Amino acid sequence: MNMQDIRAIAKSHKIDPAGLSKLDIIHTLQREEGNFDCYGTAYDGVCDQSNCMWREDCFEASKG
């Protein structure tokens, strides 16, 4: 997901994304969703947060 989309999602949740990194915005949104703020930490494609909207993007971010 690109930053423009992430910022729009943050704004829709009444979160001001100004000055925040992609990681910080997503972690804030994860906490708001009731999930752990674990974006980018999936190891070997393992994640138990099946309802997290960032799950697929997280797997990609965790590869590198």
N, C-alpha and C. Protein backbone atom coordinates (compact mmCIF):
# COMPACT_ATOMS: atom_id res chain seq x y z
N MET A 1 0.86 -1.17 0.00
CA MET A 1 0.00 0.00 0.00
C MET A 1 0.91 1.24 0.00
N ASN A 2 0.55 2.23 -0.78
CA ASN A 2 1.40 3.41 -0.86
C ASN A 2 1.06 4.41 0.26
N MET A 3 1.96 5.36 0.47
CA MET A 3 1.80 6.33 1.57
C MET A 3 0.54 7.17 1.44
N GLN A 4 0.17 7.51 0.23
CA GLN A 4 -1.05 8.32 0.04
C GLN A 4 -2.27 7.56 0.57
N ASP A 5 -2.34 6.28 0.26
CA ASP A 5 -3.45 5.45 0.75
C ASP A 5 -3.41 5.34 2.28
N ILE A 6 -2.22 5.14 2.82
CA ILE A 6 -2.06 4.98 4.27
C ILE A 6 -2.45 6.27 4.99
N ARG A 7 -2.03 7.40 4.45
CA ARG A 7 -2.40 8.69 5.06
C ARG A 7 -3.92 8.90 5.03
N ALA A 8 -4.54 8.52 3.92
CA ALA A 8 -6.00 8.66 3.80
C ALA A 8 -6.72 7.79 4.83
N ILE A 9 -6.23 6.58 5.03
CA ILE A 9 -6.81 5.69 6.04
C ILE A 9 -6.64 6.30 7.43
N ALA A 10 -5.45 6.83 7.70
CA ALA A 10 -5.20 7.46 9.01
C ALA A 10 -6.17 8.62 9.23
N LYS A 11 -6.33 9.46 8.23
CA LYS A 11 -7.24 10.60 8.36
C LYS A 11 -8.68 10.15 8.58
N SER A 12 -9.07 9.04 7.95
CA SER A 12 -10.43 8.54 8.14
C SER A 12 -10.65 8.02 9.57
N HIS A 13 -9.55 7.73 10.25
CA HIS A 13 -9.60 7.31 11.66
C HIS A 13 -9.30 8.47 12.60
N LYS A 14 -9.29 9.68 12.03
CA LYS A 14 -9.01 10.90 12.79
C LYS A 14 -7.62 10.90 13.43
N ILE A 15 -6.65 10.34 12.70
CA ILE A 15 -5.24 10.33 13.10
C ILE A 15 -4.50 11.26 12.16
N ASP A 16 -3.77 12.21 12.72
CA ASP A 16 -2.99 13.15 11.91
C ASP A 16 -1.67 12.48 11.52
N PRO A 17 -1.49 12.15 10.24
CA PRO A 17 -0.29 11.45 9.81
C PRO A 17 0.93 12.36 9.59
N ALA A 18 0.74 13.66 9.74
CA ALA A 18 1.84 14.60 9.47
C ALA A 18 3.03 14.29 10.36
N GLY A 19 4.18 14.16 9.75
CA GLY A 19 5.42 13.94 10.48
C GLY A 19 5.64 12.51 10.95
N LEU A 20 4.70 11.61 10.64
CA LEU A 20 4.85 10.22 11.05
C LEU A 20 5.35 9.38 9.88
N SER A 21 6.17 8.40 10.19
CA SER A 21 6.65 7.48 9.16
C SER A 21 5.55 6.47 8.83
N LYS A 22 5.73 5.76 7.73
CA LYS A 22 4.77 4.72 7.35
C LYS A 22 4.60 3.73 8.50
N LEU A 23 5.71 3.32 9.09
CA LEU A 23 5.67 2.37 10.19
C LEU A 23 4.89 2.91 11.39
N ASP A 24 5.13 4.16 11.74
CA ASP A 24 4.43 4.77 12.88
C ASP A 24 2.92 4.89 12.62
N ILE A 25 2.56 5.26 11.41
CA ILE A 25 1.14 5.38 11.07
C ILE A 25 0.47 4.01 11.16
N ILE A 26 1.09 3.01 10.57
CA ILE A 26 0.51 1.67 10.58
C ILE A 26 0.43 1.12 12.00
N HIS A 27 1.47 1.31 12.80
CA HIS A 27 1.42 0.84 14.19
C HIS A 27 0.28 1.52 14.95
N THR A 28 0.08 2.81 14.73
CA THR A 28 -1.02 3.52 15.39
C THR A 28 -2.36 2.95 14.95
N LEU A 29 -2.51 2.71 13.66
CA LEU A 29 -3.75 2.14 13.14
C LEU A 29 -3.98 0.71 13.66
N GLN A 30 -2.91 -0.06 13.77
CA GLN A 30 -3.05 -1.42 14.30
C GLN A 30 -3.58 -1.39 15.73
N ARG A 31 -3.04 -0.50 16.55
CA ARG A 31 -3.51 -0.39 17.93
C ARG A 31 -4.98 0.03 17.95
N GLU A 32 -5.34 0.94 17.05
CA GLU A 32 -6.74 1.39 16.97
C GLU A 32 -7.67 0.23 16.58
N GLU A 33 -7.17 -0.67 15.72
CA GLU A 33 -7.95 -1.84 15.30
C GLU A 33 -8.10 -2.88 16.41
N GLY A 34 -7.29 -2.75 17.45
CA GLY A 34 -7.30 -3.75 18.51
C GLY A 34 -6.30 -4.87 18.29
N ASN A 35 -5.37 -4.65 17.36
CA ASN A 35 -4.32 -5.62 17.09
C ASN A 35 -3.02 -5.17 17.74
N PHE A 36 -2.05 -6.07 17.76
CA PHE A 36 -0.71 -5.71 18.22
C PHE A 36 -0.09 -4.79 17.18
N ASP A 37 0.77 -3.88 17.61
CA ASP A 37 1.46 -3.00 16.66
C ASP A 37 2.74 -3.68 16.19
N CYS A 38 2.55 -4.73 15.40
CA CYS A 38 3.65 -5.62 15.02
C CYS A 38 4.00 -5.56 13.53
N TYR A 39 3.48 -4.57 12.81
CA TYR A 39 3.71 -4.49 11.36
C TYR A 39 5.20 -4.64 11.04
N GLY A 40 5.48 -5.49 10.08
CA GLY A 40 6.85 -5.68 9.60
C GLY A 40 7.65 -6.70 10.40
N THR A 41 7.01 -7.41 11.31
CA THR A 41 7.75 -8.35 12.15
C THR A 41 7.37 -9.81 11.90
N ALA A 42 6.55 -10.10 10.91
CA ALA A 42 6.17 -11.49 10.63
C ALA A 42 7.43 -12.27 10.25
N TYR A 43 7.62 -13.39 10.90
CA TYR A 43 8.80 -14.21 10.65
C TYR A 43 8.39 -15.45 9.87
N ASP A 44 9.03 -15.70 8.75
CA ASP A 44 8.72 -16.84 7.89
C ASP A 44 7.25 -16.90 7.49
N GLY A 45 6.63 -15.75 7.29
CA GLY A 45 5.24 -15.70 6.86
C GLY A 45 4.25 -16.16 7.91
N VAL A 46 4.65 -16.08 9.17
CA VAL A 46 3.78 -16.50 10.27
C VAL A 46 3.21 -15.27 10.96
N CYS A 47 1.88 -15.24 11.06
CA CYS A 47 1.19 -14.13 11.72
C CYS A 47 -0.13 -14.64 12.26
N ASP A 48 -0.39 -14.38 13.54
CA ASP A 48 -1.65 -14.84 14.13
C ASP A 48 -2.71 -13.75 14.17
N GLN A 49 -2.43 -12.60 13.57
CA GLN A 49 -3.38 -11.49 13.54
C GLN A 49 -4.20 -11.55 12.25
N SER A 50 -5.07 -12.55 12.16
CA SER A 50 -5.79 -12.82 10.91
C SER A 50 -6.76 -11.71 10.51
N ASN A 51 -7.18 -10.87 11.43
CA ASN A 51 -8.12 -9.80 11.10
C ASN A 51 -7.45 -8.45 10.84
N CYS A 52 -6.15 -8.42 10.83
CA CYS A 52 -5.42 -7.17 10.62
C CYS A 52 -5.46 -6.76 9.15
N MET A 53 -5.84 -5.52 8.90
CA MET A 53 -5.93 -5.05 7.51
C MET A 53 -4.56 -4.90 6.85
N TRP A 54 -3.49 -4.96 7.62
CA TRP A 54 -2.13 -4.77 7.10
C TRP A 54 -1.42 -6.10 6.86
N ARG A 55 -2.08 -7.19 7.08
CA ARG A 55 -1.46 -8.51 7.09
C ARG A 55 -0.67 -8.81 5.81
N GLU A 56 -1.28 -8.68 4.66
CA GLU A 56 -0.59 -9.01 3.40
C GLU A 56 0.58 -8.06 3.14
N ASP A 57 0.37 -6.78 3.37
CA ASP A 57 1.44 -5.80 3.19
C ASP A 57 2.58 -6.08 4.17
N CYS A 58 2.23 -6.53 5.37
CA CYS A 58 3.21 -6.85 6.39
C CYS A 58 4.13 -7.98 5.94
N PHE A 59 3.55 -9.01 5.33
CA PHE A 59 4.37 -10.12 4.85
C PHE A 59 5.41 -9.62 3.85
N GLU A 60 5.00 -8.72 2.97
CA GLU A 60 5.93 -8.15 1.99
C GLU A 60 7.02 -7.34 2.70
N ALA A 61 6.63 -6.53 3.68
CA ALA A 61 7.59 -5.69 4.40
C ALA A 61 8.55 -6.52 5.23
N SER A 62 8.13 -7.69 5.66
CA SER A 62 8.95 -8.54 6.53
C SER A 62 9.99 -9.34 5.76
N LYS A 63 9.83 -9.43 4.45
CA LYS A 63 10.75 -10.23 3.63
C LYS A 63 12.16 -9.66 3.60
N GLY A 64 12.26 -8.36 3.60
CA GLY A 64 13.55 -7.73 3.38
C GLY A 64 14.29 -7.41 4.57
